[in-house]
Amino acid sequence: MTHPKPSFSLGMEEEYLLVDRATRDLVTDPPEGLMAACEARMGERVSPEFLRSQVEVGTNVCTDIPALRSEIAGLRGAVAEVAGDYDLAPIAASTHPFAAWTSQKHTDKQRYNVLARDMQALARRLVICAMHVHVGIEDDELRMDLMGQATYFLPHLLALSTSSPFWRGERTGLQSYRLAVFDELPRTGLPEIFESWAEYQRHLDILIRAGILEDATKIWWDIRPSARFPTLELRITDIPTRLEDSVCIAALFVCTLRMLYRLKRNNQRWRCYANMLVQENRWRAQRYGLDQGLVDFGRGEILPYAELLEELLDLVKQDAEELGCAREVAHARTILQRGTSAHRQLATYQAALADGCDPHAALQRVVDHLAAETVADL
């Protein structure tokens, strides 16, 4: 069966935490004028998130990675400028280093009120942020097919993004503690593998008829067919603190999908591995990030992440060149060399302790570091 060529258009959503510049803690009650000021600057591209201490931005549809970078940089900068007028700062990190989830308040909005009612303590713990990347794949059947194949690469992308090593003032020992929090919700984690769009729709309709879901927006898998757009949506990643890291991961994602489409066009495909195998690499990326490698299922052994990254970069080399994002994709090597946000947060914390700071002051220094890095690449 021949599928129409996808547009491979792009969109990105980022969620930020709002911190008080003086205390470095989350702002549980942001000034009433803040969101109105953001909307005046950014229109529908900015919105409140589940918690009042969060703000979400979303780009328009972009035709390529340079356009995506330009737009998300403008949105980050606008949020930072507006927040600064209120002595606040956004931080692009998937958890706050020391904030207590018990102190947070959710946004008074119908969808969020229902989420809070249905999920109870699980929702109240959602002091987490993420980055989502949409790639335009307009054909339903192709979108479902590529979702199943792309699942293999999700741990590779997660490892490049980690930014949540702390939770409530403690080192968690995980590079992405955000996933531990988010996985408590239903309908999260790796997606089911479906043979067709119709099969997916049949399963979805069962839950809708039962009154469990209103629609597919409440399926929160690591990768999913968007309920609002003809896109595949990457959801597994933490939000990288450095803008260039976010752009790199978006570029790798779209190039991976294009590579899989190219294989399919030549009557080839990537092998779909059982979730029990991919789940192990997901856990390793969550726990160790880039540091301890992932399992090569064909060889049956753990390989260094650097080796697996080079394999991925070689796989998508043609696609990166044709999509005009070879430089952004190659930035993955820079992430590997200097570490992710999680590495830098931990290093900042240890340096502060070595300077004589007590643990809380050291965590405050981590917040300052995050606030600076969030706008460093604009």
Protein backbone atom coordinates (compact mmCIF):
# COMPACT_ATOMS: atom_id res chain seq x y z
CA MET A 1 0.00 0.00 0.00
CA THR A 2 1.35 3.41 -0.97
CA HIS A 3 0.99 6.16 1.62
CA PRO A 4 1.06 9.88 0.83
CA LYS A 5 4.42 11.40 1.69
CA PRO A 6 4.24 13.05 5.11
CA SER A 7 4.87 16.77 5.43
CA PHE A 8 7.18 16.21 8.44
CA SER A 9 5.99 19.59 9.72
CA LEU A 10 6.91 20.43 13.30
CA GLY A 11 5.47 21.83 16.48
CA MET A 12 6.79 21.98 20.02
CA GLU A 13 5.25 22.46 23.46
CA GLU A 14 7.35 23.33 26.50
CA GLU A 15 6.28 23.60 30.12
CA TYR A 16 8.11 25.85 32.57
CA LEU A 17 8.07 26.20 36.35
CA LEU A 18 7.74 29.72 37.76
CA VAL A 19 10.04 30.54 40.66
CA ASP A 20 10.33 33.49 43.00
CA ARG A 21 13.69 35.19 42.41
CA ALA A 22 14.14 35.88 46.13
CA THR A 23 13.20 32.52 47.68
CA ARG A 24 13.85 30.39 44.55
CA ASP A 25 10.75 28.40 45.51
CA LEU A 26 7.78 27.81 43.25
CA VAL A 27 5.16 30.55 43.18
CA THR A 28 1.95 28.87 44.27
CA ASP A 29 -0.17 31.98 43.61
CA PRO A 30 1.23 33.89 40.62
CA PRO A 31 0.04 37.48 40.24
CA GLU A 32 -3.30 37.67 38.44
CA GLY A 33 -1.88 39.89 35.74
CA LEU A 34 0.94 37.56 34.75
CA MET A 35 -1.01 35.22 32.49
CA ALA A 36 -2.90 38.12 30.92
CA ALA A 37 0.42 39.80 30.16
CA CYS A 38 1.74 36.58 28.63
CA GLU A 39 -1.36 36.22 26.47
CA ALA A 40 -1.03 39.82 25.33
CA ARG A 41 2.50 39.01 24.11
CA MET A 42 1.98 35.50 22.76
CA GLY A 43 -1.74 35.02 22.19
CA GLU A 44 -2.89 31.43 21.98
CA ARG A 45 0.69 30.18 21.99
CA VAL A 46 0.78 30.45 25.80
CA SER A 47 -1.59 28.88 28.31
CA PRO A 48 -1.81 27.95 31.99
CA GLU A 49 -0.86 24.41 32.87
CA PHE A 50 -2.33 22.03 35.46
CA LEU A 51 -0.57 23.75 38.36
CA ARG A 52 -0.69 27.49 38.90
CA SER A 53 3.10 27.46 39.24
CA GLN A 54 3.45 26.30 35.62
CA VAL A 55 3.09 27.91 32.22
CA GLU A 56 2.98 26.17 28.85
CA VAL A 57 3.98 27.50 25.45
CA GLY A 58 3.31 25.96 22.05
CA THR A 59 4.65 26.93 18.65
CA ASN A 60 2.70 27.36 15.47
CA VAL A 61 3.17 24.74 12.77
CA CYS A 62 6.75 25.05 11.50
CA THR A 63 8.10 23.82 8.20
CA ASP A 64 11.61 23.03 9.40
CA ILE A 65 13.92 22.91 12.41
CA PRO A 66 15.38 26.44 12.01
CA ALA A 67 11.86 27.86 12.05
CA LEU A 68 11.01 25.77 15.11
CA ARG A 69 14.10 27.00 16.92
CA SER A 70 13.30 30.62 16.15
CA GLU A 71 9.76 30.32 17.43
CA ILE A 72 10.48 28.42 20.64
CA ALA A 73 13.33 30.83 21.42
CA GLY A 74 10.92 33.74 21.06
CA LEU A 75 8.41 32.08 23.36
CA ARG A 76 11.00 31.28 26.03
CA GLY A 77 12.26 34.83 25.90
CA ALA A 78 8.78 36.34 26.12
CA VAL A 79 7.85 34.25 29.17
CA ALA A 80 11.13 35.22 30.85
CA GLU A 81 10.56 38.93 30.18
CA VAL A 82 6.98 38.93 31.45
CA ALA A 83 7.88 36.85 34.52
CA GLY A 84 10.77 39.21 35.24
CA ASP A 85 8.33 42.11 35.49
CA TYR A 86 6.85 40.32 38.51
CA ASP A 87 10.23 39.33 40.06
CA LEU A 88 9.73 35.78 38.87
CA ALA A 89 11.71 33.55 36.52
CA PRO A 90 10.82 30.48 34.43
CA ILE A 91 12.98 27.41 34.74
CA ALA A 92 13.05 24.72 32.08
CA ALA A 93 13.44 21.68 34.30
CA SER A 94 11.20 18.68 34.76
CA THR A 95 11.22 18.93 38.54
CA HIS A 96 12.01 21.74 40.97
CA PRO A 97 15.03 21.00 43.16
CA PHE A 98 13.24 21.42 46.49
CA ALA A 99 9.60 22.54 46.15
CA ALA A 100 6.94 20.58 48.08
CA TRP A 101 4.10 19.22 45.95
CA THR A 102 1.80 19.49 48.95
CA SER A 103 1.97 23.30 48.72
CA GLN A 104 0.88 23.56 45.07
CA LYS A 105 -2.55 24.56 43.75
CA HIS A 106 -4.08 23.45 40.49
CA THR A 107 -5.50 25.84 37.93
CA ASP A 108 -9.26 26.40 38.17
CA LYS A 109 -10.18 25.13 34.72
CA GLN A 110 -12.78 22.48 33.85
CA ARG A 111 -10.31 19.98 32.39
CA TYR A 112 -7.92 20.38 35.31
CA ASN A 113 -10.70 20.21 37.90
CA VAL A 114 -11.80 16.88 36.42
CA LEU A 115 -8.20 15.62 36.40
CA ALA A 116 -7.75 16.61 40.05
CA ARG A 117 -11.02 14.93 41.00
CA ASP A 118 -10.31 11.71 39.11
CA MET A 119 -6.63 11.26 39.95
CA GLN A 120 -6.64 12.57 43.52
CA ALA A 121 -3.16 12.39 45.15
CA LEU A 122 -1.60 11.29 41.87
CA ALA A 123 -2.61 14.59 40.28
CA ARG A 124 -1.50 16.62 43.27
CA ARG A 125 2.01 15.18 42.87
CA LEU A 126 2.30 16.36 39.27
CA VAL A 127 4.87 19.07 39.93
CA ILE A 128 6.60 18.06 36.72
CA CYS A 129 7.23 19.59 33.31
CA ALA A 130 7.98 18.12 29.90
CA MET A 131 8.68 18.94 26.29
CA HIS A 132 6.44 17.54 23.55
CA VAL A 133 7.37 17.43 19.86
CA HIS A 134 4.79 17.02 17.09
CA VAL A 135 5.71 15.76 13.62
CA GLY A 136 3.20 15.97 10.80
CA ILE A 137 2.31 12.51 9.43
CA GLU A 138 -1.04 13.04 7.81
CA ASP A 139 -1.93 9.45 6.82
CA ASP A 140 -3.62 7.59 9.71
CA GLU A 141 -2.26 4.15 8.82
CA LEU A 142 1.28 5.43 8.35
CA ARG A 143 1.13 7.35 11.61
CA MET A 144 0.15 4.20 13.50
CA ASP A 145 2.81 2.10 11.77
CA LEU A 146 5.62 4.56 12.44
CA MET A 147 4.56 4.93 16.08
CA GLY A 148 5.14 1.23 16.64
CA GLN A 149 8.56 1.29 15.00
CA ALA A 150 9.71 4.54 16.67
CA THR A 151 9.08 3.14 20.15
CA TYR A 152 12.50 1.45 20.01
CA PHE A 153 14.24 4.85 19.90
CA LEU A 154 12.37 6.51 22.77
CA PRO A 155 14.95 5.63 25.48
CA HIS A 156 17.70 7.08 23.29
CA LEU A 157 15.86 10.43 23.20
CA LEU A 158 14.96 10.35 26.89
CA ALA A 159 18.61 9.90 27.83
CA LEU A 160 19.54 13.11 25.99
CA SER A 161 16.86 15.16 27.78
CA THR A 162 17.11 14.37 31.49
CA SER A 163 16.55 17.33 33.81
CA SER A 164 14.91 15.97 36.97
CA PRO A 165 17.48 14.51 39.39
CA PHE A 166 15.96 16.17 42.51
CA TRP A 167 12.63 15.78 44.26
CA ARG A 168 11.57 17.68 47.38
CA GLY A 169 15.16 18.58 48.25
CA GLU A 170 16.63 15.11 47.84
CA ARG A 171 18.89 13.55 45.25
CA THR A 172 16.72 10.80 43.85
CA GLY A 173 19.50 8.78 42.22
CA LEU A 174 17.54 9.02 38.96
CA GLN A 175 18.35 11.29 36.06
CA SER A 176 14.65 11.59 35.18
CA TYR A 177 12.56 11.39 38.34
CA ARG A 178 9.73 13.05 36.40
CA LEU A 179 8.87 9.73 34.77
CA ALA A 180 8.53 8.06 38.17
CA VAL A 181 5.88 10.63 39.06
CA PHE A 182 4.11 10.59 35.72
CA ASP A 183 4.04 6.78 35.49
CA GLU A 184 1.72 6.69 38.50
CA LEU A 185 -1.07 7.89 36.21
CA PRO A 186 -3.04 5.45 34.04
CA ARG A 187 -2.52 5.30 30.28
CA THR A 188 1.13 6.35 30.49
CA GLY A 189 4.37 4.64 29.50
CA LEU A 190 5.15 2.84 26.27
CA PRO A 191 2.30 2.70 23.74
CA GLU A 192 0.45 -0.40 22.68
CA ILE A 193 1.40 -1.73 19.26
CA PHE A 194 -1.54 -1.78 16.85
CA GLU A 195 -1.69 -3.38 13.42
CA SER A 196 -3.86 -0.62 11.99
CA TRP A 197 -5.50 2.71 12.69
CA ALA A 198 -8.86 0.95 12.84
CA GLU A 199 -7.61 -1.40 15.57
CA TYR A 200 -6.41 1.55 17.62
CA GLN A 201 -9.71 3.35 17.11
CA ARG A 202 -11.71 0.28 18.19
CA HIS A 203 -9.83 0.07 21.47
CA LEU A 204 -10.17 3.79 22.05
CA ASP A 205 -13.92 3.67 21.36
CA ILE A 206 -14.40 1.00 24.04
CA LEU A 207 -13.01 3.35 26.70
CA ILE A 208 -15.00 6.29 25.36
CA ARG A 209 -18.28 4.31 25.32
CA ALA A 210 -17.59 3.12 28.87
CA GLY A 211 -17.34 6.75 29.97
CA ILE A 212 -13.70 6.42 31.07
CA LEU A 213 -12.37 8.87 28.48
CA GLU A 214 -13.95 11.82 26.75
CA ASP A 215 -11.43 11.55 23.92
CA ALA A 216 -7.87 10.52 23.11
CA THR A 217 -6.31 13.56 24.81
CA LYS A 218 -6.33 11.54 28.04
CA ILE A 219 -4.05 8.89 26.62
CA TRP A 220 -0.63 10.01 27.82
CA TRP A 221 1.75 7.48 26.28
CA ASP A 222 5.45 8.24 25.66
CA ILE A 223 4.54 8.66 22.01
CA ARG A 224 1.00 8.96 20.73
CA PRO A 225 -1.08 9.96 17.74
CA SER A 226 -2.22 13.44 18.65
CA ALA A 227 -5.95 13.77 19.26
CA ARG A 228 -5.96 17.33 17.87
CA PHE A 229 -3.52 17.26 14.98
CA PRO A 230 -2.43 14.76 12.28
CA THR A 231 0.87 14.30 14.07
CA LEU A 232 2.92 11.83 16.02
CA GLU A 233 3.68 13.40 19.39
CA LEU A 234 6.87 12.66 21.32
CA ARG A 235 6.12 12.83 25.05
CA ILE A 236 8.75 10.73 26.83
CA THR A 237 11.38 13.43 27.22
CA ASP A 238 12.11 15.70 30.12
CA ILE A 239 12.29 19.36 29.18
CA PRO A 240 15.94 20.18 28.47
CA THR A 241 17.12 23.32 30.22
CA ARG A 242 19.24 24.45 27.25
CA LEU A 243 17.21 25.50 24.23
CA GLU A 244 19.75 23.99 21.83
CA ASP A 245 19.26 20.61 23.49
CA SER A 246 15.48 20.82 22.97
CA VAL A 247 15.98 21.67 19.31
CA CYS A 248 18.45 18.81 18.89
CA ILE A 249 15.99 16.26 20.27
CA ALA A 250 13.22 17.60 18.02
CA ALA A 251 15.55 17.26 15.04
CA LEU A 252 16.53 13.71 15.99
CA PHE A 253 12.87 12.77 16.36
CA VAL A 254 11.76 14.08 12.98
CA CYS A 255 14.82 12.56 11.29
CA THR A 256 14.14 9.19 12.91
CA LEU A 257 10.57 9.23 11.63
CA ARG A 258 11.75 10.20 8.17
CA MET A 259 14.30 7.39 8.23
CA LEU A 260 11.57 4.89 9.17
CA TYR A 261 9.35 6.23 6.39
CA ARG A 262 12.24 5.91 3.95
CA LEU A 263 12.71 2.27 4.95
CA LYS A 264 9.01 1.59 4.51
CA ARG A 265 9.02 3.20 1.07
CA ASN A 266 11.72 0.65 0.14
CA ASN A 267 9.68 -2.26 1.53
CA GLN A 268 11.80 -2.44 4.69
CA ARG A 269 11.03 -1.69 8.31
CA TRP A 270 12.59 -1.43 11.74
CA ARG A 271 12.00 -4.43 13.91
CA CYS A 272 9.31 -3.93 16.56
CA TYR A 273 10.63 -5.32 19.84
CA ALA A 274 8.46 -6.42 22.72
CA ASN A 275 7.68 -3.75 25.27
CA MET A 276 9.35 -5.85 27.97
CA LEU A 277 12.67 -5.23 26.19
CA VAL A 278 12.15 -1.57 25.33
CA GLN A 279 10.96 -1.01 28.89
CA GLU A 280 14.37 -2.07 30.20
CA ASN A 281 16.09 0.59 28.10
CA ARG A 282 13.45 3.11 29.17
CA TRP A 283 14.31 2.36 32.78
CA ARG A 284 18.05 2.56 32.13
CA ALA A 285 17.63 5.96 30.49
CA GLN A 286 15.45 7.11 33.38
CA ARG A 287 17.88 5.85 36.00
CA TYR A 288 21.29 6.49 34.41
CA GLY A 289 20.66 8.85 31.50
CA LEU A 290 23.73 8.76 29.28
CA ASP A 291 26.01 7.16 31.84
CA GLN A 292 25.50 3.38 31.83
CA GLY A 293 24.48 2.49 28.29
CA LEU A 294 21.47 0.74 26.81
CA VAL A 295 20.80 -2.82 25.75
CA ASP A 296 21.46 -3.75 22.14
CA PHE A 297 18.73 -6.35 21.71
CA GLY A 298 20.34 -7.97 18.69
CA ARG A 299 23.62 -8.57 20.50
CA GLY A 300 22.01 -9.17 23.87
CA GLU A 301 24.44 -6.89 25.70
CA ILE A 302 24.70 -3.41 27.13
CA LEU A 303 26.57 -0.99 24.89
CA PRO A 304 27.89 2.46 25.81
CA TYR A 305 25.44 5.21 24.96
CA ALA A 306 28.10 6.93 22.83
CA GLU A 307 28.26 3.90 20.55
CA LEU A 308 24.49 3.70 20.20
CA LEU A 309 24.27 7.42 19.52
CA GLU A 310 26.76 7.15 16.67
CA GLU A 311 24.69 4.32 15.19
CA LEU A 312 21.58 6.50 15.36
CA LEU A 313 23.33 9.49 13.84
CA ASP A 314 24.54 7.30 10.99
CA LEU A 315 21.02 5.95 10.43
CA VAL A 316 19.53 9.44 10.08
CA LYS A 317 22.44 11.16 8.33
CA GLN A 318 20.69 11.27 4.94
CA ASP A 319 17.47 12.51 6.52
CA ALA A 320 19.19 15.24 8.53
CA GLU A 321 20.87 16.53 5.39
CA GLU A 322 17.66 16.50 3.35
CA LEU A 323 15.67 18.17 6.14
CA GLY A 324 18.36 20.81 6.60
CA CYS A 325 19.11 20.05 10.25
CA ALA A 326 22.45 18.21 10.18
CA ARG A 327 24.00 20.74 12.58
CA GLU A 328 21.15 20.42 15.08
CA VAL A 329 21.28 16.62 14.98
CA ALA A 330 25.07 16.62 15.46
CA HIS A 331 24.55 18.68 18.63
CA ALA A 332 23.70 15.37 20.32
CA ARG A 333 27.45 14.78 20.56
CA THR A 334 27.76 18.05 22.50
CA ILE A 335 25.06 16.90 24.92
CA LEU A 336 26.96 13.66 25.40
CA GLN A 337 30.21 15.52 26.03
CA ARG A 338 28.97 18.15 28.49
CA GLY A 339 26.12 16.14 29.99
CA THR A 340 22.42 16.85 30.29
CA SER A 341 20.74 19.34 32.60
CA ALA A 342 20.60 16.61 35.26
CA HIS A 343 24.41 16.30 35.21
CA ARG A 344 24.88 20.05 35.51
CA GLN A 345 22.34 20.39 38.30
CA LEU A 346 24.12 17.72 40.33
CA ALA A 347 27.51 19.30 39.64
CA THR A 348 26.20 22.72 40.71
CA TYR A 349 24.83 21.22 43.91
CA GLN A 350 28.09 19.45 44.76
CA ALA A 351 30.13 22.60 44.04
CA ALA A 352 27.88 24.63 46.34
CA LEU A 353 28.32 22.10 49.14
CA ALA A 354 32.08 22.23 48.60
CA ASP A 355 31.89 26.02 48.91
CA GLY A 356 30.37 25.63 52.36
CA CYS A 357 26.67 26.02 51.53
CA ASP A 358 24.16 24.05 53.53
CA PRO A 359 21.96 21.68 51.49
CA HIS A 360 19.09 24.15 51.08
CA ALA A 361 21.37 26.97 49.99
CA ALA A 362 23.02 24.57 47.56
CA LEU A 363 19.63 23.74 46.07
CA GLN A 364 18.85 27.45 45.78
CA ARG A 365 22.04 27.78 43.77
CA VAL A 366 20.77 25.02 41.48
CA VAL A 367 17.61 27.07 40.88
CA ASP A 368 19.73 30.11 39.98
CA HIS A 369 21.70 27.94 37.57
CA LEU A 370 18.49 26.67 35.95
CA ALA A 371 17.04 30.16 35.58
CA ALA A 372 20.22 31.31 33.82
CA GLU A 373 20.48 28.30 31.52
CA THR A 374 16.81 28.49 30.52
CA VAL A 375 17.50 31.72 28.63
CA ALA A 376 21.18 31.16 27.80
CA ASP A 377 20.73 30.13 24.14
CA LEU A 378 18.09 32.66 23.12
